[in-house]
Amino acid sequence: MTLSDTTATALDDAAALWIAALNNVGPQTYSQPSGCGAWTIAELINHVAGGGERYAMLLTGASAEQTAATRGNDYLGDDPIARFRQQEKAFRTAAEAADLNTLVDHRAGPRTGTTLAAMRVMELALHAHDLCTATAQPWNPSPRVVDFLLAEVRPVINELRELGMFDPA
């Protein structure tokens, strides 16, 4: 089972939203607060780009423990947008090749590849908001991203809240 057209479109739009926010940051902003907890902008950028790698790893059979080992990797490099695109392409390639009904070993517990893809839309949109807040940029998600988040991701957010991974609403 491959990505649905709705999920693929939401992923495209959410990635574009992230890149638009990322276009307006640079090394001079990396040490500033990110808008996401205690993370700096550099830490937030690393988290989002690294998420592409970690999700690709999960879809190809890696364990949550194996993906955790990537959390300290540097995904900024000289061109954070190129690094993000590289990791996002790896994720999308893995998602297109995987059976998305198969459970993966996410750190929040087993979940299907379909749920993992929905979580990636959420991660990109949420952290684009964080970055926009931190850098006083407008955050303008497409209606497709908003509709997808409301329809597909709301239960995941509630589950992650129950696990203590998200703050209360």
C-alpha atoms as a PDB file:
ATOM      1  CA  MET A   1       0.000   0.000   0.000  1.00  0.00           C
ATOM      2  CA  THR A   2       1.470   3.361  -1.009  1.00  0.00           C
ATOM      3  CA  LEU A   3       0.674   6.872   0.161  1.00  0.00           C
ATOM      4  CA  SER A   4      -2.826   8.053  -0.652  1.00  0.00           C
ATOM      5  CA  ASP A   5      -3.116  11.075  -2.916  1.00  0.00           C
ATOM      6  CA  THR A   6      -4.490  13.065   0.028  1.00  0.00           C
ATOM      7  CA  THR A   7      -1.514  12.178   2.228  1.00  0.00           C
ATOM      8  CA  ALA A   8       1.018  12.797  -0.555  1.00  0.00           C
ATOM      9  CA  THR A   9      -0.496  16.217  -1.260  1.00  0.00           C
ATOM     10  CA  ALA A  10      -0.563  17.107   2.444  1.00  0.00           C
ATOM     11  CA  LEU A  11       3.087  16.054   2.743  1.00  0.00           C
ATOM     12  CA  ASP A  12       4.020  18.191  -0.275  1.00  0.00           C
ATOM     13  CA  ASP A  13       2.191  21.214   1.129  1.00  0.00           C
ATOM     14  CA  ALA A  14       3.596  20.745   4.639  1.00  0.00           C
ATOM     15  CA  ALA A  15       7.140  20.412   3.267  1.00  0.00           C
ATOM     16  CA  ALA A  16       6.637  23.613   1.257  1.00  0.00           C
ATOM     17  CA  LEU A  17       5.396  25.337   4.426  1.00  0.00           C
ATOM     18  CA  TRP A  18       8.534  24.224   6.301  1.00  0.00           C
ATOM     19  CA  ILE A  19      10.837  25.318   3.474  1.00  0.00           C
ATOM     20  CA  ALA A  20       9.139  28.729   3.282  1.00  0.00           C
ATOM     21  CA  ALA A  21       9.861  29.254   6.985  1.00  0.00           C
ATOM     22  CA  LEU A  22      13.377  27.879   6.651  1.00  0.00           C
ATOM     23  CA  ASN A  23      14.131  30.286   3.778  1.00  0.00           C
ATOM     24  CA  ASN A  24      14.109  33.148   6.265  1.00  0.00           C
ATOM     25  CA  VAL A  25      16.625  31.840   8.783  1.00  0.00           C
ATOM     26  CA  GLY A  26      20.377  31.587   8.663  1.00  0.00           C
ATOM     27  CA  PRO A  27      23.408  31.010  10.830  1.00  0.00           C
ATOM     28  CA  GLN A  28      22.867  34.347  12.579  1.00  0.00           C
ATOM     29  CA  THR A  29      19.543  33.019  13.952  1.00  0.00           C
ATOM     30  CA  TYR A  30      20.578  29.469  14.878  1.00  0.00           C
ATOM     31  CA  SER A  31      21.236  30.182  18.544  1.00  0.00           C
ATOM     32  CA  GLN A  32      17.921  31.991  19.062  1.00  0.00           C
ATOM     33  CA  PRO A  33      14.942  30.296  20.749  1.00  0.00           C
ATOM     34  CA  SER A  34      12.942  28.271  18.233  1.00  0.00           C
ATOM     35  CA  GLY A  35       9.395  28.720  19.472  1.00  0.00           C
ATOM     36  CA  CYS A  36       9.432  25.030  20.472  1.00  0.00           C
ATOM     37  CA  GLY A  37      10.270  24.601  24.118  1.00  0.00           C
ATOM     38  CA  ALA A  38      13.918  25.059  25.035  1.00  0.00           C
ATOM     39  CA  TRP A  39      15.210  24.204  21.550  1.00  0.00           C
ATOM     40  CA  THR A  40      17.234  26.695  19.578  1.00  0.00           C
ATOM     41  CA  ILE A  41      16.443  27.303  15.926  1.00  0.00           C
ATOM     42  CA  ALA A  42      19.386  25.052  14.987  1.00  0.00           C
ATOM     43  CA  GLU A  43      18.042  22.249  17.193  1.00  0.00           C
ATOM     44  CA  LEU A  44      14.584  22.599  15.657  1.00  0.00           C
ATOM     45  CA  ILE A  45      15.996  22.473  12.108  1.00  0.00           C
ATOM     46  CA  ASN A  46      18.037  19.390  13.014  1.00  0.00           C
ATOM     47  CA  HIS A  47      14.967  17.725  14.532  1.00  0.00           C
ATOM     48  CA  VAL A  48      12.810  18.285  11.455  1.00  0.00           C
ATOM     49  CA  ALA A  49      15.394  17.230   8.870  1.00  0.00           C
ATOM     50  CA  GLY A  50      16.425  14.309  11.050  1.00  0.00           C
ATOM     51  CA  GLY A  51      12.787  13.265  11.260  1.00  0.00           C
ATOM     52  CA  GLY A  52      12.876  12.495   7.562  1.00  0.00           C
ATOM     53  CA  GLU A  53      15.811  10.173   8.080  1.00  0.00           C
ATOM     54  CA  ARG A  54      14.307   8.541  11.169  1.00  0.00           C
ATOM     55  CA  TYR A  55      10.935   7.946   9.492  1.00  0.00           C
ATOM     56  CA  ALA A  56      12.678   6.451   6.430  1.00  0.00           C
ATOM     57  CA  MET A  57      14.628   4.173   8.760  1.00  0.00           C
ATOM     58  CA  LEU A  58      11.460   3.058  10.540  1.00  0.00           C
ATOM     59  CA  LEU A  59       9.710   2.306   7.250  1.00  0.00           C
ATOM     60  CA  THR A  60      12.630   0.106   6.216  1.00  0.00           C
ATOM     61  CA  GLY A  61      12.622  -1.908   9.446  1.00  0.00           C
ATOM     62  CA  ALA A  62      14.823   0.006  11.887  1.00  0.00           C
ATOM     63  CA  SER A  63      13.970   0.000  15.574  1.00  0.00           C
ATOM     64  CA  ALA A  64      13.136   3.024  17.699  1.00  0.00           C
ATOM     65  CA  GLU A  65      16.490   2.483  19.404  1.00  0.00           C
ATOM     66  CA  GLN A  66      18.336   2.612  16.084  1.00  0.00           C
ATOM     67  CA  THR A  67      16.602   5.822  15.087  1.00  0.00           C
ATOM     68  CA  ALA A  68      17.360   7.405  18.454  1.00  0.00           C
ATOM     69  CA  ALA A  69      21.050   7.148  17.596  1.00  0.00           C
ATOM     70  CA  THR A  70      20.522   9.767  14.845  1.00  0.00           C
ATOM     71  CA  ARG A  71      19.185  12.450  17.178  1.00  0.00           C
ATOM     72  CA  GLY A  72      22.594  14.048  17.616  1.00  0.00           C
ATOM     73  CA  ASN A  73      23.383  14.194  13.895  1.00  0.00           C
ATOM     74  CA  ASP A  74      24.018  17.524  12.200  1.00  0.00           C
ATOM     75  CA  TYR A  75      21.414  18.182   9.512  1.00  0.00           C
ATOM     76  CA  LEU A  76      22.222  21.881   9.111  1.00  0.00           C
ATOM     77  CA  GLY A  77      25.392  21.647   7.064  1.00  0.00           C
ATOM     78  CA  ASP A  78      26.065  24.524   4.696  1.00  0.00           C
ATOM     79  CA  ASP A  79      22.582  24.328   3.161  1.00  0.00           C
ATOM     80  CA  PRO A  80      19.811  23.312   5.578  1.00  0.00           C
ATOM     81  CA  ILE A  81      17.181  23.368   2.841  1.00  0.00           C
ATOM     82  CA  ALA A  82      19.161  20.956   0.669  1.00  0.00           C
ATOM     83  CA  ARG A  83      19.756  18.719   3.705  1.00  0.00           C
ATOM     84  CA  PHE A  84      16.029  18.783   4.523  1.00  0.00           C
ATOM     85  CA  ARG A  85      15.112  17.923   0.922  1.00  0.00           C
ATOM     86  CA  GLN A  86      17.615  15.053   0.948  1.00  0.00           C
ATOM     87  CA  GLN A  87      16.115  13.532   4.099  1.00  0.00           C
ATOM     88  CA  GLU A  88      12.545  14.191   2.966  1.00  0.00           C
ATOM     89  CA  LYS A  89      13.258  12.453  -0.348  1.00  0.00           C
ATOM     90  CA  ALA A  90      14.592   9.438   1.576  1.00  0.00           C
ATOM     91  CA  PHE A  91      11.400   9.374   3.638  1.00  0.00           C
ATOM     92  CA  ARG A  92       9.125   9.659   0.595  1.00  0.00           C
ATOM     93  CA  THR A  93      11.081   6.958  -1.263  1.00  0.00           C
ATOM     94  CA  ALA A  94      10.777   4.635   1.726  1.00  0.00           C
ATOM     95  CA  ALA A  95       7.065   5.448   2.090  1.00  0.00           C
ATOM     96  CA  GLU A  96       6.380   4.660  -1.555  1.00  0.00           C
ATOM     97  CA  ALA A  97       8.211   1.316  -1.295  1.00  0.00           C
ATOM     98  CA  ALA A  98       6.813   0.227   2.081  1.00  0.00           C
ATOM     99  CA  ASP A  99       3.666  -1.630   2.992  1.00  0.00           C
ATOM    100  CA  LEU A 100       2.122   1.205   4.987  1.00  0.00           C
ATOM    101  CA  ASN A 101      -0.170  -1.213   6.822  1.00  0.00           C
ATOM    102  CA  THR A 102       2.863  -2.776   8.515  1.00  0.00           C
ATOM    103  CA  LEU A 103       3.642  -1.654  12.050  1.00  0.00           C
ATOM    104  CA  VAL A 104       6.853   0.275  12.672  1.00  0.00           C
ATOM    105  CA  ASP A 105       8.707   0.609  15.975  1.00  0.00           C
ATOM    106  CA  HIS A 106       8.192   4.314  16.722  1.00  0.00           C
ATOM    107  CA  ARG A 107       9.378   5.617  20.094  1.00  0.00           C
ATOM    108  CA  ALA A 108       5.742   6.387  21.007  1.00  0.00           C
ATOM    109  CA  GLY A 109       4.834   2.774  20.338  1.00  0.00           C
ATOM    110  CA  PRO A 110       4.008   0.641  17.332  1.00  0.00           C
ATOM    111  CA  ARG A 111       2.087   2.365  14.563  1.00  0.00           C
ATOM    112  CA  THR A 112       1.384   1.804  10.907  1.00  0.00           C
ATOM    113  CA  GLY A 113       3.321   3.456   8.133  1.00  0.00           C
ATOM    114  CA  THR A 114       0.110   5.300   7.239  1.00  0.00           C
ATOM    115  CA  THR A 115       0.005   6.812  10.727  1.00  0.00           C
ATOM    116  CA  LEU A 116       3.708   7.620  10.501  1.00  0.00           C
ATOM    117  CA  ALA A 117       3.111   9.556   7.263  1.00  0.00           C
ATOM    118  CA  ALA A 118       0.289  11.490   8.926  1.00  0.00           C
ATOM    119  CA  MET A 119       2.620  12.260  11.817  1.00  0.00           C
ATOM    120  CA  ARG A 120       5.155  13.637   9.353  1.00  0.00           C
ATOM    121  CA  VAL A 121       2.572  16.085   8.005  1.00  0.00           C
ATOM    122  CA  MET A 122       1.886  17.119  11.591  1.00  0.00           C
ATOM    123  CA  GLU A 123       5.583  17.469  12.406  1.00  0.00           C
ATOM    124  CA  LEU A 124       6.284  19.648   9.372  1.00  0.00           C
ATOM    125  CA  ALA A 125       3.262  21.901   9.919  1.00  0.00           C
ATOM    126  CA  LEU A 126       3.715  22.210  13.681  1.00  0.00           C
ATOM    127  CA  HIS A 127       7.410  22.982  13.502  1.00  0.00           C
ATOM    128  CA  ALA A 128       6.901  25.411  10.614  1.00  0.00           C
ATOM    129  CA  HIS A 129       4.591  27.234  13.015  1.00  0.00           C
ATOM    130  CA  ASP A 130       7.262  27.147  15.723  1.00  0.00           C
ATOM    131  CA  LEU A 131       9.870  28.539  13.351  1.00  0.00           C
ATOM    132  CA  CYS A 132       7.511  31.213  12.040  1.00  0.00           C
ATOM    133  CA  THR A 133       6.675  32.258  15.597  1.00  0.00           C
ATOM    134  CA  ALA A 134      10.371  32.429  16.510  1.00  0.00           C
ATOM    135  CA  THR A 135      11.230  34.562  13.499  1.00  0.00           C
ATOM    136  CA  ALA A 136       8.088  36.711  13.307  1.00  0.00           C
ATOM    137  CA  GLN A 137       7.031  35.248   9.956  1.00  0.00           C
ATOM    138  CA  PRO A 138       3.448  34.600   8.908  1.00  0.00           C
ATOM    139  CA  TRP A 139       2.415  30.953   9.068  1.00  0.00           C
ATOM    140  CA  ASN A 140       0.001  30.143   6.272  1.00  0.00           C
ATOM    141  CA  PRO A 141      -0.731  26.434   5.954  1.00  0.00           C
ATOM    142  CA  SER A 142      -2.710  25.422   2.898  1.00  0.00           C
ATOM    143  CA  PRO A 143      -6.340  24.423   3.374  1.00  0.00           C
ATOM    144  CA  ARG A 144      -5.274  20.901   2.370  1.00  0.00           C
ATOM    145  CA  VAL A 145      -2.813  20.725   5.279  1.00  0.00           C
ATOM    146  CA  VAL A 146      -5.373  22.120   7.720  1.00  0.00           C
ATOM    147  CA  ASP A 147      -8.072  19.709   6.532  1.00  0.00           C
ATOM    148  CA  PHE A 148      -5.642  16.785   6.694  1.00  0.00           C
ATOM    149  CA  LEU A 149      -4.531  17.663  10.208  1.00  0.00           C
ATOM    150  CA  LEU A 150      -8.094  17.981  11.447  1.00  0.00           C
ATOM    151  CA  ALA A 151      -9.288  14.785   9.769  1.00  0.00           C
ATOM    152  CA  GLU A 152      -6.283  12.481  10.056  1.00  0.00           C
ATOM    153  CA  VAL A 153      -4.027  13.696  12.840  1.00  0.00           C
ATOM    154  CA  ARG A 154      -6.339  14.736  15.671  1.00  0.00           C
ATOM    155  CA  PRO A 155      -6.482  11.194  17.155  1.00  0.00           C
ATOM    156  CA  VAL A 156      -2.689  10.901  16.944  1.00  0.00           C
ATOM    157  CA  ILE A 157      -2.267  14.189  18.809  1.00  0.00           C
ATOM    158  CA  ASN A 158      -4.632  12.979  21.524  1.00  0.00           C
ATOM    159  CA  GLU A 159      -2.667   9.730  21.827  1.00  0.00           C
ATOM    160  CA  LEU A 160       0.657  11.583  22.033  1.00  0.00           C
ATOM    161  CA  ARG A 161      -0.814  13.871  24.711  1.00  0.00           C
ATOM    162  CA  GLU A 162      -1.814  10.836  26.763  1.00  0.00           C
ATOM    163  CA  LEU A 163       1.785   9.586  26.474  1.00  0.00           C
ATOM    164  CA  GLY A 164       3.093  12.946  27.736  1.00  0.00           C
ATOM    165  CA  MET A 165       4.711  13.782  24.395  1.00  0.00           C
ATOM    166  CA  PHE A 166       2.473  16.805  23.716  1.00  0.00           C
ATOM    167  CA  ASP A 167       1.403  19.550  26.071  1.00  0.00           C
ATOM    168  CA  PRO A 168      -2.277  19.916  26.929  1.00  0.00           C
ATOM    169  CA  ALA A 169      -4.402  21.700  24.356  1.00  0.00           C
END
